[in-house]
Amino acid sequence: MSTKTISIAKDFHRAPAGRFISDGPYSGEAFKNNFLIPNLNDKNIDKLVIDLNGLMGVGSSFWDEAFSTLITEDHFKYEDLTQKIQFICSDDDTLIPLLNKYLKEAANV
């Protein structure tokens, strides 16, 4: 079983913001397109760990675009995402439930 960890703060940006690439290079769309989708589609990766530590005030538009649209626009299945993605965060105990909520709402679960 192969596991890959992506630290948003270290691998992408400490303060990502915006929904679309037109909003800036550290948008939810950029993170999804450059980090999430390629790794989710990689058959050699069984578990994708998303490290949420070290972030500074990320807005809802970033989270919504990065994660909800995996289901609503990119046609990933909720069950597959919840099996493959694991969120970790010791900095803020509200982030993991928030992201799980975005995924559930996108899937109407």
N, C-alpha and C. Protein backbone atom coordinates (compact mmCIF):
# COMPACT_ATOMS: atom_id res chain seq x y z
N MET A 1 0.85 -1.19 0.00
CA MET A 1 0.00 0.00 0.00
C MET A 1 0.88 1.24 0.00
N SER A 2 0.64 2.10 -0.93
CA SER A 2 1.43 3.32 -1.05
C SER A 2 0.65 4.52 -0.52
N THR A 3 1.32 5.29 0.32
CA THR A 3 0.71 6.49 0.89
C THR A 3 1.52 7.69 0.47
N LYS A 4 0.82 8.75 0.07
CA LYS A 4 1.48 10.02 -0.25
C LYS A 4 0.86 11.09 0.63
N THR A 5 1.72 11.94 1.19
CA THR A 5 1.25 13.04 2.03
C THR A 5 1.49 14.36 1.30
N ILE A 6 0.47 15.19 1.30
CA ILE A 6 0.57 16.54 0.77
C ILE A 6 0.32 17.50 1.92
N SER A 7 1.29 18.32 2.22
CA SER A 7 1.11 19.39 3.20
C SER A 7 0.72 20.63 2.42
N ILE A 8 -0.50 21.10 2.61
CA ILE A 8 -0.92 22.29 1.87
C ILE A 8 0.01 23.45 2.18
N ALA A 9 0.34 23.65 3.46
CA ALA A 9 1.20 24.78 3.86
C ALA A 9 2.61 24.68 3.29
N LYS A 10 3.18 23.49 3.28
CA LYS A 10 4.56 23.33 2.84
C LYS A 10 4.68 23.11 1.32
N ASP A 11 3.75 22.36 0.75
CA ASP A 11 3.85 22.01 -0.66
C ASP A 11 3.13 22.98 -1.59
N PHE A 12 2.21 23.75 -1.04
CA PHE A 12 1.40 24.66 -1.86
C PHE A 12 1.56 26.10 -1.37
N HIS A 13 0.93 26.45 -0.27
CA HIS A 13 1.04 27.81 0.29
C HIS A 13 0.44 27.83 1.68
N ARG A 14 1.03 28.65 2.57
CA ARG A 14 0.53 28.75 3.95
C ARG A 14 -0.82 29.46 4.03
N ALA A 15 -1.10 30.34 3.07
CA ALA A 15 -2.36 31.09 3.08
C ALA A 15 -3.02 31.03 1.71
N PRO A 16 -3.43 29.83 1.28
CA PRO A 16 -4.10 29.74 -0.02
C PRO A 16 -5.42 30.50 0.03
N ALA A 17 -5.80 31.04 -1.13
CA ALA A 17 -7.02 31.86 -1.15
C ALA A 17 -7.63 31.87 -2.54
N GLY A 18 -8.91 32.06 -2.57
CA GLY A 18 -9.63 32.20 -3.82
C GLY A 18 -10.17 30.87 -4.33
N ARG A 19 -11.13 30.99 -5.18
CA ARG A 19 -11.78 29.83 -5.77
C ARG A 19 -11.07 29.41 -7.06
N PHE A 20 -10.94 30.35 -7.98
CA PHE A 20 -10.46 30.03 -9.32
C PHE A 20 -9.02 30.48 -9.55
N ILE A 21 -8.39 29.89 -10.54
CA ILE A 21 -7.02 30.27 -10.91
C ILE A 21 -6.98 31.76 -11.24
N SER A 22 -8.05 32.28 -11.80
CA SER A 22 -8.10 33.72 -12.10
C SER A 22 -8.05 34.58 -10.84
N ASP A 23 -8.33 33.97 -9.67
CA ASP A 23 -8.23 34.68 -8.38
C ASP A 23 -6.80 34.73 -7.87
N GLY A 24 -5.92 33.92 -8.43
CA GLY A 24 -4.54 33.89 -8.00
C GLY A 24 -3.96 32.49 -8.08
N PRO A 25 -2.65 32.39 -7.99
CA PRO A 25 -1.98 31.09 -8.18
C PRO A 25 -2.18 30.10 -7.04
N TYR A 26 -2.70 30.56 -5.91
CA TYR A 26 -2.88 29.68 -4.76
C TYR A 26 -4.35 29.44 -4.46
N SER A 27 -5.13 29.30 -5.51
CA SER A 27 -6.57 29.12 -5.41
C SER A 27 -6.93 27.65 -5.20
N GLY A 28 -8.17 27.42 -4.83
CA GLY A 28 -8.67 26.06 -4.69
C GLY A 28 -8.61 25.29 -5.99
N GLU A 29 -8.91 25.95 -7.09
CA GLU A 29 -8.85 25.31 -8.40
C GLU A 29 -7.42 24.88 -8.73
N ALA A 30 -6.45 25.73 -8.44
CA ALA A 30 -5.05 25.39 -8.70
C ALA A 30 -4.61 24.21 -7.84
N PHE A 31 -5.00 24.20 -6.58
CA PHE A 31 -4.63 23.08 -5.70
C PHE A 31 -5.26 21.78 -6.19
N LYS A 32 -6.53 21.86 -6.53
CA LYS A 32 -7.23 20.66 -7.02
C LYS A 32 -6.58 20.14 -8.30
N ASN A 33 -6.35 21.04 -9.26
CA ASN A 33 -5.83 20.61 -10.56
C ASN A 33 -4.38 20.12 -10.49
N ASN A 34 -3.58 20.75 -9.64
CA ASN A 34 -2.14 20.44 -9.62
C ASN A 34 -1.75 19.41 -8.57
N PHE A 35 -2.56 19.24 -7.55
CA PHE A 35 -2.21 18.31 -6.47
C PHE A 35 -3.22 17.18 -6.29
N LEU A 36 -4.49 17.55 -6.14
CA LEU A 36 -5.48 16.53 -5.81
C LEU A 36 -5.77 15.57 -6.97
N ILE A 37 -6.17 16.10 -8.09
CA ILE A 37 -6.57 15.22 -9.20
C ILE A 37 -5.43 14.32 -9.67
N PRO A 38 -4.23 14.84 -9.90
CA PRO A 38 -3.16 13.92 -10.34
C PRO A 38 -2.88 12.80 -9.34
N ASN A 39 -2.91 13.12 -8.06
CA ASN A 39 -2.64 12.10 -7.04
C ASN A 39 -3.81 11.15 -6.83
N LEU A 40 -5.02 11.65 -6.95
CA LEU A 40 -6.18 10.77 -6.84
C LEU A 40 -6.26 9.80 -8.01
N ASN A 41 -5.81 10.24 -9.16
CA ASN A 41 -5.83 9.37 -10.35
C ASN A 41 -4.63 8.44 -10.44
N ASP A 42 -3.64 8.65 -9.60
CA ASP A 42 -2.43 7.81 -9.63
C ASP A 42 -2.76 6.45 -9.02
N LYS A 43 -2.71 5.42 -9.84
CA LYS A 43 -3.05 4.06 -9.41
C LYS A 43 -2.03 3.49 -8.41
N ASN A 44 -0.86 4.11 -8.31
CA ASN A 44 0.17 3.65 -7.38
C ASN A 44 -0.01 4.22 -5.97
N ILE A 45 -0.96 5.14 -5.82
CA ILE A 45 -1.22 5.76 -4.51
C ILE A 45 -2.53 5.21 -3.97
N ASP A 46 -2.44 4.51 -2.84
CA ASP A 46 -3.64 3.95 -2.21
C ASP A 46 -4.27 4.91 -1.22
N LYS A 47 -3.44 5.71 -0.55
CA LYS A 47 -3.93 6.64 0.47
C LYS A 47 -3.27 7.99 0.23
N LEU A 48 -4.09 9.03 0.14
CA LEU A 48 -3.61 10.39 -0.02
C LEU A 48 -3.89 11.14 1.27
N VAL A 49 -2.84 11.44 2.01
CA VAL A 49 -2.96 12.14 3.29
C VAL A 49 -2.82 13.64 3.02
N ILE A 50 -3.83 14.39 3.42
CA ILE A 50 -3.81 15.84 3.25
C ILE A 50 -3.54 16.45 4.62
N ASP A 51 -2.35 17.03 4.76
CA ASP A 51 -1.92 17.64 6.01
C ASP A 51 -2.39 19.10 6.02
N LEU A 52 -3.24 19.43 6.96
CA LEU A 52 -3.84 20.75 7.07
C LEU A 52 -3.13 21.63 8.09
N ASN A 53 -2.05 21.17 8.66
CA ASN A 53 -1.32 21.93 9.67
C ASN A 53 -0.54 23.07 9.04
N GLY A 54 -0.39 24.15 9.80
CA GLY A 54 0.43 25.27 9.38
C GLY A 54 -0.25 26.28 8.48
N LEU A 55 -1.56 26.13 8.28
CA LEU A 55 -2.29 27.06 7.41
C LEU A 55 -2.70 28.31 8.18
N MET A 56 -2.87 29.38 7.43
CA MET A 56 -3.22 30.66 8.03
C MET A 56 -4.53 31.19 7.42
N GLY A 57 -5.64 30.95 8.07
CA GLY A 57 -6.91 31.56 7.69
C GLY A 57 -7.39 31.30 6.28
N VAL A 58 -7.66 30.07 5.95
CA VAL A 58 -8.11 29.72 4.61
C VAL A 58 -9.61 29.94 4.50
N GLY A 59 -10.02 30.59 3.41
CA GLY A 59 -11.44 30.89 3.20
C GLY A 59 -12.24 29.73 2.65
N SER A 60 -13.54 29.81 2.80
CA SER A 60 -14.43 28.74 2.37
C SER A 60 -14.41 28.53 0.86
N SER A 61 -14.16 29.58 0.09
CA SER A 61 -14.15 29.41 -1.37
C SER A 61 -13.01 28.49 -1.80
N PHE A 62 -11.88 28.57 -1.12
CA PHE A 62 -10.76 27.66 -1.43
C PHE A 62 -11.18 26.22 -1.15
N TRP A 63 -11.71 25.96 0.05
CA TRP A 63 -12.09 24.60 0.43
C TRP A 63 -13.16 24.04 -0.49
N ASP A 64 -14.16 24.85 -0.78
CA ASP A 64 -15.26 24.40 -1.63
C ASP A 64 -14.75 24.02 -3.02
N GLU A 65 -13.96 24.88 -3.61
CA GLU A 65 -13.46 24.59 -4.96
C GLU A 65 -12.51 23.41 -4.97
N ALA A 66 -11.65 23.31 -3.99
CA ALA A 66 -10.66 22.23 -3.97
C ALA A 66 -11.31 20.88 -3.74
N PHE A 67 -12.30 20.80 -2.88
CA PHE A 67 -12.82 19.49 -2.48
C PHE A 67 -14.23 19.19 -2.98
N SER A 68 -15.18 20.09 -2.83
CA SER A 68 -16.55 19.81 -3.26
C SER A 68 -16.63 19.52 -4.75
N THR A 69 -15.91 20.29 -5.54
CA THR A 69 -16.00 20.13 -6.99
C THR A 69 -15.34 18.84 -7.50
N LEU A 70 -14.58 18.17 -6.64
CA LEU A 70 -14.10 16.84 -7.03
C LEU A 70 -15.30 15.94 -7.34
N ILE A 71 -16.37 16.14 -6.60
CA ILE A 71 -17.59 15.34 -6.78
C ILE A 71 -18.51 15.99 -7.81
N THR A 72 -18.79 17.26 -7.66
CA THR A 72 -19.80 17.91 -8.49
C THR A 72 -19.34 18.19 -9.92
N GLU A 73 -18.06 18.38 -10.14
CA GLU A 73 -17.57 18.71 -11.48
C GLU A 73 -16.63 17.66 -12.07
N ASP A 74 -15.85 17.04 -11.22
CA ASP A 74 -14.82 16.11 -11.72
C ASP A 74 -15.26 14.65 -11.60
N HIS A 75 -16.45 14.43 -11.09
CA HIS A 75 -17.12 13.12 -11.09
C HIS A 75 -16.40 12.03 -10.29
N PHE A 76 -15.68 12.43 -9.26
CA PHE A 76 -15.18 11.44 -8.30
C PHE A 76 -16.35 11.01 -7.44
N LYS A 77 -16.34 9.79 -7.00
CA LYS A 77 -17.40 9.30 -6.13
C LYS A 77 -17.03 9.54 -4.67
N TYR A 78 -18.02 9.94 -3.90
CA TYR A 78 -17.84 10.21 -2.49
C TYR A 78 -17.17 9.04 -1.78
N GLU A 79 -17.66 7.84 -2.02
CA GLU A 79 -17.13 6.64 -1.36
C GLU A 79 -15.65 6.45 -1.69
N ASP A 80 -15.28 6.68 -2.94
CA ASP A 80 -13.87 6.53 -3.34
C ASP A 80 -13.00 7.58 -2.67
N LEU A 81 -13.50 8.82 -2.61
CA LEU A 81 -12.72 9.89 -1.97
C LEU A 81 -12.52 9.62 -0.49
N THR A 82 -13.57 9.17 0.19
CA THR A 82 -13.44 8.93 1.63
C THR A 82 -12.55 7.73 1.92
N GLN A 83 -12.41 6.84 0.97
CA GLN A 83 -11.49 5.70 1.13
C GLN A 83 -10.04 6.12 0.87
N LYS A 84 -9.85 7.02 -0.10
CA LYS A 84 -8.49 7.35 -0.52
C LYS A 84 -7.89 8.54 0.25
N ILE A 85 -8.72 9.52 0.59
CA ILE A 85 -8.22 10.73 1.25
C ILE A 85 -8.31 10.58 2.77
N GLN A 86 -7.23 10.99 3.42
CA GLN A 86 -7.23 11.08 4.89
C GLN A 86 -6.74 12.47 5.25
N PHE A 87 -7.52 13.20 6.01
CA PHE A 87 -7.14 14.52 6.48
C PHE A 87 -6.45 14.39 7.83
N ILE A 88 -5.38 15.15 8.04
CA ILE A 88 -4.76 15.23 9.35
C ILE A 88 -4.59 16.70 9.73
N CYS A 89 -4.83 16.99 11.00
CA CYS A 89 -4.68 18.37 11.47
C CYS A 89 -4.66 18.38 12.99
N SER A 90 -3.60 18.91 13.54
CA SER A 90 -3.54 19.10 14.99
C SER A 90 -3.63 20.58 15.35
N ASP A 91 -3.60 21.46 14.36
CA ASP A 91 -3.66 22.91 14.59
C ASP A 91 -5.07 23.44 14.85
N ASP A 92 -6.06 22.84 14.19
CA ASP A 92 -7.41 23.38 14.23
C ASP A 92 -8.39 22.21 14.16
N ASP A 93 -9.10 21.96 15.25
CA ASP A 93 -9.98 20.79 15.30
C ASP A 93 -11.29 20.98 14.52
N THR A 94 -11.46 22.12 13.88
CA THR A 94 -12.68 22.34 13.09
C THR A 94 -12.47 22.01 11.60
N LEU A 95 -11.24 21.92 11.14
CA LEU A 95 -11.00 21.77 9.71
C LEU A 95 -11.44 20.42 9.15
N ILE A 96 -11.11 19.34 9.80
CA ILE A 96 -11.46 18.02 9.27
C ILE A 96 -12.98 17.85 9.20
N PRO A 97 -13.74 18.17 10.26
CA PRO A 97 -15.20 18.09 10.13
C PRO A 97 -15.75 19.00 9.03
N LEU A 98 -15.15 20.18 8.86
CA LEU A 98 -15.59 21.10 7.82
C LEU A 98 -15.39 20.49 6.43
N LEU A 99 -14.24 19.92 6.18
CA LEU A 99 -13.98 19.33 4.87
C LEU A 99 -14.83 18.10 4.63
N ASN A 100 -15.05 17.31 5.65
CA ASN A 100 -15.96 16.17 5.51
C ASN A 100 -17.37 16.64 5.19
N LYS A 101 -17.78 17.75 5.78
CA LYS A 101 -19.10 18.32 5.51
C LYS A 101 -19.19 18.76 4.04
N TYR A 102 -18.16 19.43 3.54
CA TYR A 102 -18.16 19.84 2.12
C TYR A 102 -18.32 18.61 1.21
N LEU A 103 -17.61 17.55 1.49
CA LEU A 103 -17.70 16.35 0.66
C LEU A 103 -19.09 15.73 0.74
N LYS A 104 -19.64 15.63 1.95
CA LYS A 104 -20.98 15.05 2.12
C LYS A 104 -22.04 15.88 1.41
N GLU A 105 -21.95 17.18 1.54
CA GLU A 105 -22.94 18.05 0.89
C GLU A 105 -22.85 17.94 -0.62
N ALA A 106 -21.64 17.86 -1.14
CA ALA A 106 -21.47 17.74 -2.60
C ALA A 106 -22.05 16.43 -3.11
N ALA A 107 -21.99 15.40 -2.29
CA ALA A 107 -22.50 14.07 -2.67
C ALA A 107 -23.95 13.87 -2.27
N ASN A 108 -24.53 14.84 -1.58
CA ASN A 108 -25.90 14.71 -1.05
C ASN A 108 -26.03 13.49 -0.15
N VAL A 109 -25.03 13.30 0.71
CA VAL A 109 -25.05 12.16 1.63
C VAL A 109 -25.59 12.61 2.98
